[in-house]
Amino acid sequence: MAQNQIADLKEQMNWHWRNTMRPLRFFNFDVKAIIPFFVLLFYARISTLVICVLSTLTFWALEKKGLTADSALRALRVVIVGNFRPGLPRFRYRRLKDFGR
């Protein structure tokens, strides 16, 4: 019995390492969804409230779909730009050279 308690205590001491990569939550929402409400604190208008509610619902819908805010922005970038994104500017592309002539 005492060894089980010691093992449980050792396991509880390591819990903080398991939770280091979990996303931050505030009332079961991602923290990025709560940021517009800080704007609402300083600029309390109906339009700001509507923007806050719409952004929170958007983040909630993305989360239900399985996307975080960062991955949703990356997916939006792929939709806008497309799959072809060269790493070099056009003038730095390598060109074929014929040294035989």
N, C-alpha and C. Protein backbone atom coordinates (compact mmCIF):
# COMPACT_ATOMS: atom_id res chain seq x y z
N MET A 1 0.82 -1.19 0.00
CA MET A 1 0.00 0.00 0.00
C MET A 1 0.87 1.26 0.00
N ALA A 2 1.89 1.25 0.81
CA ALA A 2 2.77 2.42 0.90
C ALA A 2 3.53 2.63 -0.41
N GLN A 3 3.91 1.54 -1.08
CA GLN A 3 4.64 1.68 -2.34
C GLN A 3 3.74 2.26 -3.43
N ASN A 4 2.47 1.90 -3.40
CA ASN A 4 1.53 2.50 -4.37
C ASN A 4 1.37 3.99 -4.14
N GLN A 5 1.33 4.39 -2.87
CA GLN A 5 1.21 5.82 -2.56
C GLN A 5 2.46 6.58 -2.99
N ILE A 6 3.62 5.96 -2.79
CA ILE A 6 4.88 6.59 -3.21
C ILE A 6 4.91 6.71 -4.74
N ALA A 7 4.47 5.66 -5.44
CA ALA A 7 4.44 5.69 -6.90
C ALA A 7 3.47 6.76 -7.39
N ASP A 8 2.30 6.87 -6.73
CA ASP A 8 1.34 7.91 -7.11
C ASP A 8 1.91 9.31 -6.87
N LEU A 9 2.63 9.47 -5.77
CA LEU A 9 3.24 10.77 -5.48
C LEU A 9 4.31 11.12 -6.50
N LYS A 10 5.11 10.15 -6.91
CA LYS A 10 6.12 10.40 -7.94
C LYS A 10 5.47 10.76 -9.27
N GLU A 11 4.37 10.08 -9.58
CA GLU A 11 3.66 10.37 -10.83
C GLU A 11 3.05 11.77 -10.80
N GLN A 12 2.51 12.19 -9.66
CA GLN A 12 1.93 13.52 -9.55
C GLN A 12 3.00 14.60 -9.67
N MET A 13 4.22 14.31 -9.22
CA MET A 13 5.29 15.28 -9.33
C MET A 13 5.69 15.52 -10.79
N ASN A 14 5.43 14.56 -11.67
CA ASN A 14 5.79 14.68 -13.09
C ASN A 14 4.63 15.16 -13.96
N TRP A 15 3.48 15.45 -13.39
CA TRP A 15 2.32 15.87 -14.18
C TRP A 15 2.58 17.18 -14.91
N HIS A 16 3.31 18.08 -14.30
CA HIS A 16 3.51 19.37 -14.95
C HIS A 16 4.29 19.24 -16.26
N TRP A 17 5.12 18.23 -16.40
CA TRP A 17 5.85 18.04 -17.64
C TRP A 17 4.94 17.55 -18.75
N ARG A 18 3.92 16.82 -18.41
CA ARG A 18 2.98 16.33 -19.42
C ARG A 18 2.11 17.45 -19.96
N ASN A 19 1.85 18.43 -19.17
CA ASN A 19 0.90 19.47 -19.55
C ASN A 19 1.56 20.72 -20.11
N THR A 20 2.84 20.67 -20.43
CA THR A 20 3.51 21.87 -20.90
C THR A 20 3.11 22.25 -22.32
N MET A 21 2.71 21.33 -23.15
CA MET A 21 2.36 21.65 -24.54
C MET A 21 0.86 21.74 -24.78
N ARG A 22 0.08 21.67 -23.74
CA ARG A 22 -1.37 21.80 -23.92
C ARG A 22 -1.72 23.25 -24.22
N PRO A 23 -2.72 23.48 -25.06
CA PRO A 23 -3.09 24.87 -25.37
C PRO A 23 -3.71 25.55 -24.15
N LEU A 24 -3.49 26.85 -24.05
CA LEU A 24 -4.06 27.61 -22.94
C LEU A 24 -5.55 27.75 -23.14
N ARG A 25 -6.29 27.60 -22.05
CA ARG A 25 -7.75 27.65 -22.10
C ARG A 25 -8.25 28.68 -21.12
N PHE A 26 -9.37 29.32 -21.47
CA PHE A 26 -10.06 30.24 -20.58
C PHE A 26 -11.55 29.98 -20.77
N PHE A 27 -12.19 29.44 -19.76
CA PHE A 27 -13.58 29.02 -19.83
C PHE A 27 -13.83 28.12 -21.03
N ASN A 28 -12.99 27.13 -21.19
CA ASN A 28 -13.09 26.11 -22.23
C ASN A 28 -12.94 26.67 -23.66
N PHE A 29 -12.40 27.86 -23.79
CA PHE A 29 -12.09 28.43 -25.10
C PHE A 29 -10.59 28.63 -25.19
N ASP A 30 -10.10 28.57 -26.42
CA ASP A 30 -8.70 28.89 -26.64
C ASP A 30 -8.47 30.36 -26.29
N VAL A 31 -7.32 30.66 -25.75
CA VAL A 31 -7.04 32.02 -25.29
C VAL A 31 -7.12 33.02 -26.45
N LYS A 32 -6.78 32.59 -27.65
CA LYS A 32 -6.82 33.51 -28.79
C LYS A 32 -8.25 33.93 -29.11
N ALA A 33 -9.23 33.14 -28.70
CA ALA A 33 -10.63 33.52 -28.93
C ALA A 33 -11.10 34.56 -27.93
N ILE A 34 -10.40 34.71 -26.84
CA ILE A 34 -10.80 35.65 -25.80
C ILE A 34 -10.17 37.03 -26.01
N ILE A 35 -9.14 37.13 -26.83
CA ILE A 35 -8.43 38.40 -27.03
C ILE A 35 -9.37 39.53 -27.49
N PRO A 36 -10.33 39.31 -28.38
CA PRO A 36 -11.22 40.43 -28.76
C PRO A 36 -12.03 40.98 -27.59
N PHE A 37 -12.25 40.19 -26.55
CA PHE A 37 -12.99 40.69 -25.41
C PHE A 37 -12.18 41.71 -24.60
N PHE A 38 -10.86 41.65 -24.69
CA PHE A 38 -10.05 42.68 -24.06
C PHE A 38 -10.21 44.01 -24.79
N VAL A 39 -10.38 43.94 -26.10
CA VAL A 39 -10.67 45.16 -26.85
C VAL A 39 -12.03 45.71 -26.43
N LEU A 40 -12.97 44.82 -26.17
CA LEU A 40 -14.30 45.23 -25.74
C LEU A 40 -14.25 45.96 -24.40
N LEU A 41 -13.31 45.61 -23.55
CA LEU A 41 -13.18 46.30 -22.26
C LEU A 41 -12.85 47.77 -22.43
N PHE A 42 -12.05 48.09 -23.44
CA PHE A 42 -11.62 49.47 -23.63
C PHE A 42 -12.48 50.23 -24.64
N TYR A 43 -13.15 49.51 -25.52
CA TYR A 43 -13.98 50.16 -26.54
C TYR A 43 -15.33 49.45 -26.56
N ALA A 44 -16.15 49.78 -25.59
CA ALA A 44 -17.43 49.08 -25.39
C ALA A 44 -18.49 49.68 -26.31
N ARG A 45 -18.70 49.02 -27.43
CA ARG A 45 -19.74 49.40 -28.39
C ARG A 45 -20.46 48.13 -28.83
N ILE A 46 -21.61 48.30 -29.40
CA ILE A 46 -22.37 47.15 -29.90
C ILE A 46 -21.61 46.46 -31.03
N SER A 47 -20.98 47.25 -31.89
CA SER A 47 -20.24 46.66 -33.01
C SER A 47 -19.06 45.82 -32.50
N THR A 48 -18.41 46.29 -31.45
CA THR A 48 -17.30 45.53 -30.89
C THR A 48 -17.80 44.24 -30.25
N LEU A 49 -18.94 44.30 -29.60
CA LEU A 49 -19.53 43.10 -29.01
C LEU A 49 -19.88 42.08 -30.08
N VAL A 50 -20.44 42.55 -31.19
CA VAL A 50 -20.78 41.64 -32.29
C VAL A 50 -19.52 40.99 -32.86
N ILE A 51 -18.46 41.78 -33.03
CA ILE A 51 -17.20 41.23 -33.54
C ILE A 51 -16.63 40.19 -32.57
N CYS A 52 -16.74 40.47 -31.27
CA CYS A 52 -16.24 39.52 -30.27
C CYS A 52 -17.01 38.20 -30.31
N VAL A 53 -18.32 38.31 -30.39
CA VAL A 53 -19.13 37.09 -30.41
C VAL A 53 -18.88 36.31 -31.70
N LEU A 54 -18.79 36.99 -32.83
CA LEU A 54 -18.53 36.30 -34.10
C LEU A 54 -17.16 35.63 -34.12
N SER A 55 -16.16 36.32 -33.58
CA SER A 55 -14.82 35.71 -33.55
C SER A 55 -14.79 34.51 -32.61
N THR A 56 -15.48 34.59 -31.49
CA THR A 56 -15.53 33.46 -30.56
C THR A 56 -16.25 32.28 -31.20
N LEU A 57 -17.35 32.55 -31.90
CA LEU A 57 -18.06 31.46 -32.58
C LEU A 57 -17.22 30.86 -33.70
N THR A 58 -16.43 31.69 -34.37
CA THR A 58 -15.54 31.18 -35.42
C THR A 58 -14.48 30.26 -34.84
N PHE A 59 -13.86 30.70 -33.75
CA PHE A 59 -12.86 29.85 -33.10
C PHE A 59 -13.48 28.56 -32.58
N TRP A 60 -14.70 28.65 -32.07
CA TRP A 60 -15.39 27.46 -31.57
C TRP A 60 -15.67 26.48 -32.71
N ALA A 61 -16.13 27.00 -33.86
CA ALA A 61 -16.41 26.14 -35.01
C ALA A 61 -15.13 25.50 -35.55
N LEU A 62 -14.05 26.26 -35.59
CA LEU A 62 -12.77 25.70 -36.03
C LEU A 62 -12.30 24.61 -35.09
N GLU A 63 -12.50 24.82 -33.80
CA GLU A 63 -12.08 23.83 -32.82
C GLU A 63 -12.91 22.56 -32.93
N LYS A 64 -14.20 22.70 -33.21
CA LYS A 64 -15.05 21.52 -33.42
C LYS A 64 -14.63 20.75 -34.66
N LYS A 65 -14.09 21.48 -35.64
CA LYS A 65 -13.61 20.84 -36.86
C LYS A 65 -12.26 20.17 -36.65
N GLY A 66 -11.57 20.52 -35.56
CA GLY A 66 -10.30 19.90 -35.24
C GLY A 66 -9.10 20.76 -35.56
N LEU A 67 -9.33 22.05 -35.80
CA LEU A 67 -8.24 22.96 -36.13
C LEU A 67 -7.99 23.92 -34.98
N THR A 68 -6.74 24.23 -34.75
CA THR A 68 -6.41 25.32 -33.83
C THR A 68 -6.37 26.61 -34.64
N ALA A 69 -6.20 27.72 -33.97
CA ALA A 69 -6.16 29.01 -34.68
C ALA A 69 -4.95 29.06 -35.61
N ASP A 70 -3.81 28.57 -35.17
CA ASP A 70 -2.61 28.59 -36.01
C ASP A 70 -2.76 27.70 -37.24
N SER A 71 -3.29 26.50 -37.04
CA SER A 71 -3.45 25.60 -38.18
C SER A 71 -4.54 26.10 -39.14
N ALA A 72 -5.54 26.79 -38.62
CA ALA A 72 -6.56 27.37 -39.50
C ALA A 72 -5.97 28.48 -40.35
N LEU A 73 -5.07 29.29 -39.78
CA LEU A 73 -4.42 30.33 -40.58
C LEU A 73 -3.52 29.73 -41.65
N ARG A 74 -2.84 28.63 -41.32
CA ARG A 74 -2.01 27.97 -42.33
C ARG A 74 -2.88 27.38 -43.44
N ALA A 75 -4.04 26.81 -43.08
CA ALA A 75 -4.94 26.27 -44.10
C ALA A 75 -5.51 27.38 -44.97
N LEU A 76 -5.80 28.53 -44.38
CA LEU A 76 -6.28 29.67 -45.16
C LEU A 76 -5.20 30.16 -46.11
N ARG A 77 -3.95 30.15 -45.67
CA ARG A 77 -2.84 30.57 -46.53
C ARG A 77 -2.71 29.63 -47.73
N VAL A 78 -2.90 28.33 -47.51
CA VAL A 78 -2.82 27.37 -48.61
C VAL A 78 -3.95 27.61 -49.60
N VAL A 79 -5.13 27.95 -49.10
CA VAL A 79 -6.27 28.21 -49.99
C VAL A 79 -6.00 29.46 -50.83
N ILE A 80 -5.46 30.50 -50.21
CA ILE A 80 -5.23 31.76 -50.93
C ILE A 80 -4.05 31.65 -51.89
N VAL A 81 -2.93 31.14 -51.41
CA VAL A 81 -1.70 31.13 -52.20
C VAL A 81 -1.64 29.91 -53.11
N GLY A 82 -2.12 28.80 -52.65
CA GLY A 82 -2.02 27.56 -53.41
C GLY A 82 -0.91 26.69 -52.85
N ASN A 83 -0.74 25.54 -53.44
CA ASN A 83 0.26 24.61 -52.93
C ASN A 83 1.68 24.95 -53.36
N PHE A 84 1.83 25.72 -54.45
CA PHE A 84 3.17 26.04 -54.96
C PHE A 84 3.67 27.31 -54.30
N ARG A 85 4.62 27.17 -53.40
CA ARG A 85 5.25 28.32 -52.74
C ARG A 85 6.76 28.11 -52.80
N PRO A 86 7.42 28.70 -53.77
CA PRO A 86 8.86 28.50 -53.87
C PRO A 86 9.58 29.16 -52.72
N GLY A 87 10.69 28.57 -52.31
CA GLY A 87 11.47 29.12 -51.22
C GLY A 87 12.41 30.22 -51.65
N LEU A 88 12.65 30.34 -52.95
CA LEU A 88 13.56 31.35 -53.46
C LEU A 88 12.81 32.32 -54.37
N PRO A 89 13.26 33.55 -54.44
CA PRO A 89 12.67 34.47 -55.40
C PRO A 89 12.97 34.03 -56.84
N ARG A 90 12.22 34.55 -57.75
CA ARG A 90 12.31 34.11 -59.14
C ARG A 90 13.71 34.33 -59.73
N PHE A 91 14.41 35.40 -59.37
CA PHE A 91 15.71 35.67 -59.96
C PHE A 91 16.80 34.76 -59.39
N ARG A 92 16.52 33.99 -58.37
CA ARG A 92 17.52 33.09 -57.81
C ARG A 92 17.33 31.63 -58.23
N TYR A 93 16.37 31.39 -59.12
CA TYR A 93 16.19 30.02 -59.60
C TYR A 93 17.43 29.56 -60.34
N ARG A 94 17.75 28.29 -60.24
CA ARG A 94 18.87 27.74 -61.01
C ARG A 94 18.42 27.46 -62.43
N ARG A 95 19.27 27.84 -63.36
CA ARG A 95 18.95 27.61 -64.77
C ARG A 95 19.92 26.59 -65.33
N LEU A 96 19.44 25.83 -66.30
CA LEU A 96 20.30 24.85 -66.95
C LEU A 96 21.32 25.57 -67.81
N LYS A 97 22.55 25.09 -67.78
CA LYS A 97 23.61 25.69 -68.58
C LYS A 97 24.21 24.63 -69.47
N ASP A 98 24.54 25.05 -70.67
CA ASP A 98 25.18 24.14 -71.63
C ASP A 98 26.59 24.62 -71.83
N PHE A 99 27.56 23.87 -71.28
CA PHE A 99 28.96 24.27 -71.38
C PHE A 99 29.65 23.67 -72.61
N GLY A 100 28.93 22.93 -73.41
CA GLY A 100 29.53 22.27 -74.57
C GLY A 100 29.81 23.20 -75.72
N ARG A 101 29.21 24.33 -75.80
CA ARG A 101 29.39 25.21 -76.95
C ARG A 101 30.39 26.27 -76.71
